[in-house]
Amino acid sequence: MEPVIQTKDLTKKFHGFCAVDRLSLSIGRGEIFGFLGLNGAGKTTTIRLLLSMITPTSGHCYLLGQRVDAGKLDIWRDVGYIVETPHAYPELTVRENLEIMGQLRGDIGRGAVDNIISKLKLGDQACKKARHLSMGNAQRLGLAKALIHQPKILILDEPTNGLDPAGIVEVRHLLQDLSKNYRVTILMSSHKLDEISQVSTQIGIIHHGQLIKEMRTKELDKHLHKSLLIDSRNRKAARSVLSQTIFQGHIKTTEAGVLEIEHAKAVEHPEAIASLLCNAGHPPTLLKIKRENLEMYFMRIIQEGEKMPNA
């Protein structure tokens, strides 16, 4: 199946600085692609390239099979977007802003403004001028403008900025509904792995303009480092017992003095460790799986990316 969003060797340089470096993405229909990276990694530049806001130095972008070009106006009828801070007419109300956006988008159908106000929970803000909106509600208005014409593609740069926890959950459910029930293809950037992991179906990590990791979200757990923490009344003896097994060379001591084994069999079968130590007369007083959290994983991948030679 032809990808809905695609880049091929996409590169953008500014005065010799390479902001996006030979980036190749392929995102299928109905996918939610979580585009992760630190500030300045190249996320927003990629989004601007996809939306033809800037011209690539080399490489190409494709939306719905069409090469992105400023002159190809038909593409944009099926695309909604937020880039960095969502903009609005400050002296107009939320409803007036949406009505103008509807007119710019063409035939959006009767009731579209009311529907999107309801969907984004902007009813109590509808008559308020945009300049008086909180940061969270300004973000909701930006999402409403991006969605008002029921696009097939959504490209969102940090879409939950300024939202409170309840708002973040609402946007998450909205995007998942659009993906699952309406087959909308979504690319959303963030530097928050925990947030992305809860909404996306694919994850890509960009660093210094290069895609350094890409995976299905459901595979993320396989990539998290896990280890088994072990304690005993006689730590030295317990270590000696474990060192005579396949775990030799995989045992280290934490700052708290607890033994730690980074080995799949130890993590998967802690009961075998318990039996081994009990039979040796040194029963464990602690057996606990230590799991790398998402933030730690993200930072580890970034650090590994720092060590990667430029291809």
Protein backbone atom coordinates (compact mmCIF):
# COMPACT_ATOMS: atom_id res chain seq x y z
CA MET A 1 0.00 0.00 0.00
CA GLU A 2 1.32 3.42 -0.94
CA PRO A 3 2.32 5.54 2.09
CA VAL A 4 0.19 8.57 2.92
CA ILE A 5 3.12 10.61 4.26
CA GLN A 6 6.57 9.99 2.85
CA THR A 7 9.97 11.66 2.69
CA LYS A 8 12.92 10.47 0.62
CA ASP A 9 16.44 11.56 1.60
CA LEU A 10 14.98 14.86 2.80
CA THR A 11 17.70 17.39 3.58
CA LYS A 12 17.59 21.02 4.65
CA LYS A 13 20.63 23.20 5.25
CA PHE A 14 20.69 26.74 6.59
CA HIS A 15 23.94 28.61 5.90
CA GLY A 16 25.92 25.39 6.08
CA PHE A 17 24.06 24.01 9.13
CA CYS A 18 22.24 20.74 8.37
CA ALA A 19 18.87 20.89 10.18
CA VAL A 20 17.45 17.79 8.46
CA ASP A 21 19.87 15.17 7.14
CA ARG A 22 18.72 12.63 4.51
CA LEU A 23 15.52 11.85 6.38
CA SER A 24 13.35 9.06 4.98
CA LEU A 25 9.94 8.42 6.54
CA SER A 26 7.03 6.24 5.41
CA ILE A 27 3.68 6.49 7.22
CA GLY A 28 0.65 4.44 6.19
CA ARG A 29 -3.03 5.28 6.25
CA GLY A 30 -4.53 5.50 9.73
CA GLU A 31 -1.16 5.46 11.48
CA ILE A 32 -0.23 7.86 14.27
CA PHE A 33 3.47 8.56 13.89
CA GLY A 34 5.13 9.94 17.01
CA PHE A 35 8.03 12.13 15.92
CA LEU A 36 10.38 12.48 18.88
CA GLY A 37 13.43 14.60 19.45
CA LEU A 38 15.00 17.20 21.70
CA ASN A 39 14.38 20.87 20.98
CA GLY A 40 16.38 21.73 17.87
CA ALA A 41 16.57 18.12 16.66
CA GLY A 42 14.85 18.91 13.35
CA LYS A 43 11.20 18.09 14.07
CA THR A 44 9.70 21.47 13.22
CA THR A 45 11.94 21.90 10.17
CA THR A 46 10.71 18.54 8.86
CA ILE A 47 7.11 19.59 9.40
CA ARG A 48 7.70 22.88 7.58
CA LEU A 49 9.21 20.95 4.69
CA LEU A 50 6.22 18.60 4.56
CA LEU A 51 3.89 21.59 4.44
CA SER A 52 5.95 23.37 1.75
CA MET A 53 6.59 26.30 4.08
CA ILE A 54 10.27 26.00 3.22
CA THR A 55 12.06 24.36 0.30
CA PRO A 56 14.33 21.34 0.79
CA THR A 57 17.99 21.57 -0.09
CA SER A 58 17.63 18.08 -1.55
CA GLY A 59 15.24 15.15 -1.36
CA HIS A 60 11.46 15.15 -1.64
CA CYS A 61 8.21 14.98 0.39
CA TYR A 62 5.02 13.23 -0.67
CA LEU A 63 1.47 13.49 0.71
CA LEU A 64 -1.20 11.09 -0.54
CA GLY A 65 1.20 10.02 -3.26
CA GLN A 66 1.68 13.54 -4.61
CA ARG A 67 5.03 15.29 -4.46
CA VAL A 68 4.77 18.33 -2.21
CA ASP A 69 5.02 21.54 -4.16
CA ALA A 70 3.77 25.01 -3.29
CA GLY A 71 1.94 25.17 -6.60
CA LYS A 72 -0.07 21.97 -6.04
CA LEU A 73 -3.03 23.43 -4.21
CA ASP A 74 -5.22 20.31 -4.33
CA ILE A 75 -3.07 18.54 -1.74
CA TRP A 76 -3.85 21.02 1.02
CA ARG A 77 -7.61 20.32 0.93
CA ASP A 78 -6.87 17.06 2.74
CA VAL A 79 -4.30 18.36 5.22
CA GLY A 80 -4.75 19.94 8.65
CA TYR A 81 -1.85 21.20 10.69
CA ILE A 82 -0.44 23.07 13.67
CA VAL A 83 3.11 24.38 13.45
CA GLU A 84 4.65 25.65 16.67
CA THR A 85 2.27 28.21 18.28
CA PRO A 86 -1.27 28.13 16.81
CA HIS A 87 -2.29 31.53 15.44
CA ALA A 88 -5.71 33.19 15.51
CA TYR A 89 -7.27 36.60 14.86
CA PRO A 90 -6.94 38.05 18.37
CA GLU A 91 -9.89 40.47 18.19
CA LEU A 92 -12.29 37.83 16.87
CA THR A 93 -14.09 35.26 18.96
CA VAL A 94 -13.42 31.54 18.86
CA ARG A 95 -16.55 31.02 16.75
CA GLU A 96 -15.62 33.84 14.36
CA ASN A 97 -12.12 32.43 13.93
CA LEU A 98 -13.57 29.03 13.07
CA GLU A 99 -16.15 30.50 10.68
CA ILE A 100 -13.38 32.31 8.79
CA MET A 101 -11.30 29.13 8.66
CA GLY A 102 -14.34 27.27 7.34
CA GLN A 103 -14.76 29.84 4.57
CA LEU A 104 -11.09 29.57 3.65
CA ARG A 105 -11.37 25.80 3.51
CA GLY A 106 -14.36 25.91 1.15
CA ASP A 107 -17.39 23.67 1.47
CA ILE A 108 -17.10 22.18 4.96
CA GLY A 109 -20.80 21.47 5.39
CA ARG A 110 -23.47 22.93 7.62
CA GLY A 111 -22.91 22.52 11.33
CA ALA A 112 -19.14 21.99 10.96
CA VAL A 113 -18.30 24.88 13.27
CA ASP A 114 -20.73 23.72 15.97
CA ASN A 115 -19.46 20.15 15.65
CA ILE A 116 -15.81 21.06 16.08
CA ILE A 117 -16.59 23.42 18.99
CA SER A 118 -18.35 20.54 20.70
CA LYS A 119 -15.64 18.00 19.88
CA LEU A 120 -12.85 20.22 21.25
CA LYS A 121 -14.97 21.27 24.26
CA LEU A 122 -14.83 24.95 23.37
CA GLY A 123 -18.52 25.67 23.99
CA ASP A 124 -17.95 27.92 26.99
CA GLN A 125 -15.19 29.75 25.08
CA ALA A 126 -17.06 30.24 21.79
CA CYS A 127 -17.91 33.91 22.38
CA LYS A 128 -14.58 34.83 23.92
CA LYS A 129 -12.04 36.79 21.90
CA ALA A 130 -8.99 34.74 20.95
CA ARG A 131 -6.62 37.13 22.72
CA HIS A 132 -8.31 36.35 26.03
CA LEU A 133 -7.89 32.57 25.75
CA SER A 134 -5.63 30.64 28.08
CA MET A 135 -2.70 28.84 26.49
CA GLY A 136 -4.56 25.54 26.70
CA ASN A 137 -7.73 26.88 25.05
CA ALA A 138 -5.66 28.65 22.37
CA GLN A 139 -4.19 25.22 21.63
CA ARG A 140 -7.71 23.74 21.46
CA LEU A 141 -8.69 26.46 18.99
CA GLY A 142 -5.62 25.61 16.90
CA LEU A 143 -6.65 21.96 16.84
CA ALA A 144 -10.22 22.91 15.94
CA LYS A 145 -8.97 24.96 12.96
CA ALA A 146 -6.80 22.04 11.85
CA LEU A 147 -9.73 19.61 12.02
CA ILE A 148 -12.67 21.69 10.80
CA HIS A 149 -12.53 20.41 7.20
CA GLN A 150 -12.14 16.73 8.22
CA PRO A 151 -8.68 16.23 6.71
CA LYS A 152 -7.19 12.90 5.72
CA ILE A 153 -3.80 13.98 7.08
CA LEU A 154 -3.00 15.78 10.34
CA ILE A 155 0.47 17.21 10.92
CA LEU A 156 0.81 18.50 14.47
CA ASP A 157 3.80 20.16 16.11
CA GLU A 158 3.62 19.71 19.91
CA PRO A 159 -0.22 19.56 19.88
CA THR A 160 -0.65 19.23 23.66
CA ASN A 161 1.43 22.27 24.64
CA GLY A 162 -0.32 24.22 27.38
CA LEU A 163 -3.01 21.62 27.99
CA ASP A 164 -3.71 20.38 31.50
CA PRO A 165 -3.62 16.59 32.17
CA ALA A 166 -7.35 16.22 31.44
CA GLY A 167 -6.93 18.12 28.16
CA ILE A 168 -4.01 15.94 27.15
CA VAL A 169 -6.11 12.81 27.70
CA GLU A 170 -8.98 14.31 25.67
CA VAL A 171 -6.69 15.12 22.74
CA ARG A 172 -5.16 11.66 22.96
CA HIS A 173 -8.60 10.04 22.70
CA LEU A 174 -9.58 12.38 19.87
CA LEU A 175 -6.50 11.49 17.81
CA GLN A 176 -6.95 7.78 18.45
CA ASP A 177 -10.60 8.04 17.36
CA LEU A 178 -9.61 9.85 14.16
CA SER A 179 -6.98 7.22 13.42
CA LYS A 180 -9.05 4.14 14.23
CA ASN A 181 -12.52 5.10 13.05
CA TYR A 182 -11.82 7.62 10.28
CA ARG A 183 -8.42 6.33 9.08
CA VAL A 184 -6.84 9.78 9.41
CA THR A 185 -3.05 9.64 9.12
CA ILE A 186 -1.35 11.68 11.85
CA LEU A 187 2.21 12.87 12.31
CA MET A 188 2.72 14.52 15.68
CA SER A 189 5.97 15.82 17.09
CA SER A 190 6.94 15.97 20.74
CA HIS A 191 9.91 15.65 23.07
CA LYS A 192 7.78 13.67 25.57
CA LEU A 193 8.17 9.93 25.01
CA ASP A 194 5.61 8.99 27.65
CA GLU A 195 2.93 11.07 25.94
CA ILE A 196 3.83 9.82 22.46
CA SER A 197 3.94 6.18 23.54
CA GLN A 198 0.33 6.35 24.73
CA VAL A 199 -1.13 7.66 21.49
CA SER A 200 1.12 6.61 18.60
CA THR A 201 1.28 3.42 16.55
CA GLN A 202 4.80 4.19 15.30
CA ILE A 203 7.71 6.06 16.85
CA GLY A 204 10.64 7.76 15.16
CA ILE A 205 13.45 9.50 17.06
CA ILE A 206 15.32 12.29 15.31
CA HIS A 207 18.62 13.71 16.54
CA HIS A 208 20.79 16.31 14.81
CA GLY A 209 18.47 15.99 11.82
CA GLN A 210 18.95 12.22 11.45
CA LEU A 211 16.43 9.46 12.12
CA ILE A 212 18.30 7.35 14.67
CA LYS A 213 15.51 4.98 15.78
CA GLU A 214 12.19 3.84 14.32
CA MET A 215 9.81 1.16 15.61
CA ARG A 216 6.22 0.10 16.14
CA THR A 217 5.04 1.43 19.51
CA LYS A 218 3.96 -2.04 20.62
CA GLU A 219 7.60 -3.14 20.27
CA LEU A 220 8.87 -0.42 22.61
CA ASP A 221 8.85 -2.64 25.69
CA LYS A 222 11.35 -5.01 24.05
CA HIS A 223 13.87 -2.18 23.79
CA LEU A 224 13.71 -1.11 27.44
CA HIS A 225 16.64 -2.29 29.55
CA LYS A 226 15.61 -4.57 32.41
CA SER A 227 17.61 -6.07 35.26
CA LEU A 228 17.07 -8.06 38.44
CA LEU A 229 17.91 -6.51 41.82
CA ILE A 230 18.97 -9.01 44.50
CA ASP A 231 19.81 -8.61 48.16
CA SER A 232 20.80 -11.08 50.84
CA ARG A 233 22.03 -10.96 54.41
CA ASN A 234 25.40 -12.10 53.11
CA ARG A 235 25.87 -10.15 49.87
CA LYS A 236 29.42 -11.34 49.30
CA ALA A 237 28.39 -14.99 49.56
CA ALA A 238 25.35 -14.46 47.34
CA ARG A 239 27.54 -12.85 44.70
CA SER A 240 29.97 -15.75 44.88
CA VAL A 241 27.13 -18.24 44.31
CA LEU A 242 25.77 -16.30 41.32
CA SER A 243 29.24 -15.84 39.85
CA GLN A 244 29.51 -19.59 39.35
CA THR A 245 26.58 -19.56 36.92
CA ILE A 246 25.82 -18.18 33.46
CA PHE A 247 25.41 -14.81 35.15
CA GLN A 248 29.15 -14.42 35.67
CA GLY A 249 30.19 -11.17 34.05
CA HIS A 250 26.64 -9.80 34.25
CA ILE A 251 26.64 -8.98 37.96
CA LYS A 252 27.28 -5.51 39.31
CA THR A 253 26.67 -3.72 42.58
CA THR A 254 24.41 -0.67 42.86
CA GLU A 255 25.28 2.42 44.91
CA ALA A 256 23.08 0.97 47.67
CA GLY A 257 25.17 -2.23 47.70
CA VAL A 258 22.42 -4.36 46.15
CA LEU A 259 23.38 -6.89 43.47
CA GLU A 260 22.08 -6.25 39.96
CA ILE A 261 22.04 -8.76 37.09
CA GLU A 262 21.49 -7.56 33.53
CA HIS A 263 20.63 -10.85 31.86
CA ALA A 264 17.38 -11.91 30.16
CA LYS A 265 17.17 -15.25 32.00
CA ALA A 266 17.50 -13.57 35.39
CA VAL A 267 14.76 -11.08 34.53
CA GLU A 268 12.46 -13.72 33.06
CA HIS A 269 13.04 -16.33 35.81
CA PRO A 270 13.73 -14.64 39.16
CA GLU A 271 12.32 -17.73 40.88
CA ALA A 272 15.33 -19.71 39.60
CA ILE A 273 17.65 -17.17 41.26
CA ALA A 274 15.67 -17.51 44.49
CA SER A 275 15.95 -21.33 44.42
CA LEU A 276 19.66 -21.16 43.67
CA LEU A 277 20.38 -18.86 46.60
CA CYS A 278 18.09 -20.75 48.97
CA ASN A 279 19.76 -24.06 48.14
CA ALA A 280 23.14 -22.44 48.80
CA GLY A 281 21.96 -21.25 52.22
CA HIS A 282 21.75 -17.57 51.31
CA PRO A 283 18.06 -16.86 50.68
CA PRO A 284 17.32 -13.51 49.03
CA THR A 285 15.81 -10.71 51.07
CA LEU A 286 15.02 -8.79 47.89
CA LEU A 287 14.11 -9.81 44.35
CA LYS A 288 12.88 -6.96 42.20
CA ILE A 289 12.72 -6.29 38.48
CA LYS A 290 14.24 -2.91 37.64
CA ARG A 291 12.88 -1.52 34.39
CA GLU A 292 14.19 1.41 32.40
CA ASN A 293 11.49 4.06 32.21
CA LEU A 294 10.57 5.78 28.96
CA GLU A 295 12.46 8.97 29.73
CA MET A 296 15.62 7.01 30.51
CA TYR A 297 15.23 5.04 27.28
CA PHE A 298 14.79 8.21 25.23
CA MET A 299 17.89 9.80 26.74
CA ARG A 300 19.90 6.60 26.21
CA ILE A 301 18.98 6.53 22.53
CA ILE A 302 19.91 10.21 22.21
CA GLN A 303 23.27 9.56 23.88
CA GLU A 304 23.90 6.60 21.58
CA GLY A 305 23.01 8.86 18.68
CA GLU A 306 25.72 11.28 19.80
CA LYS A 307 28.26 8.48 19.38
CA MET A 308 27.06 7.46 15.91
CA PRO A 309 29.45 8.45 13.09
CA ASN A 310 27.88 10.56 10.36
CA ALA A 311 26.96 8.25 7.51
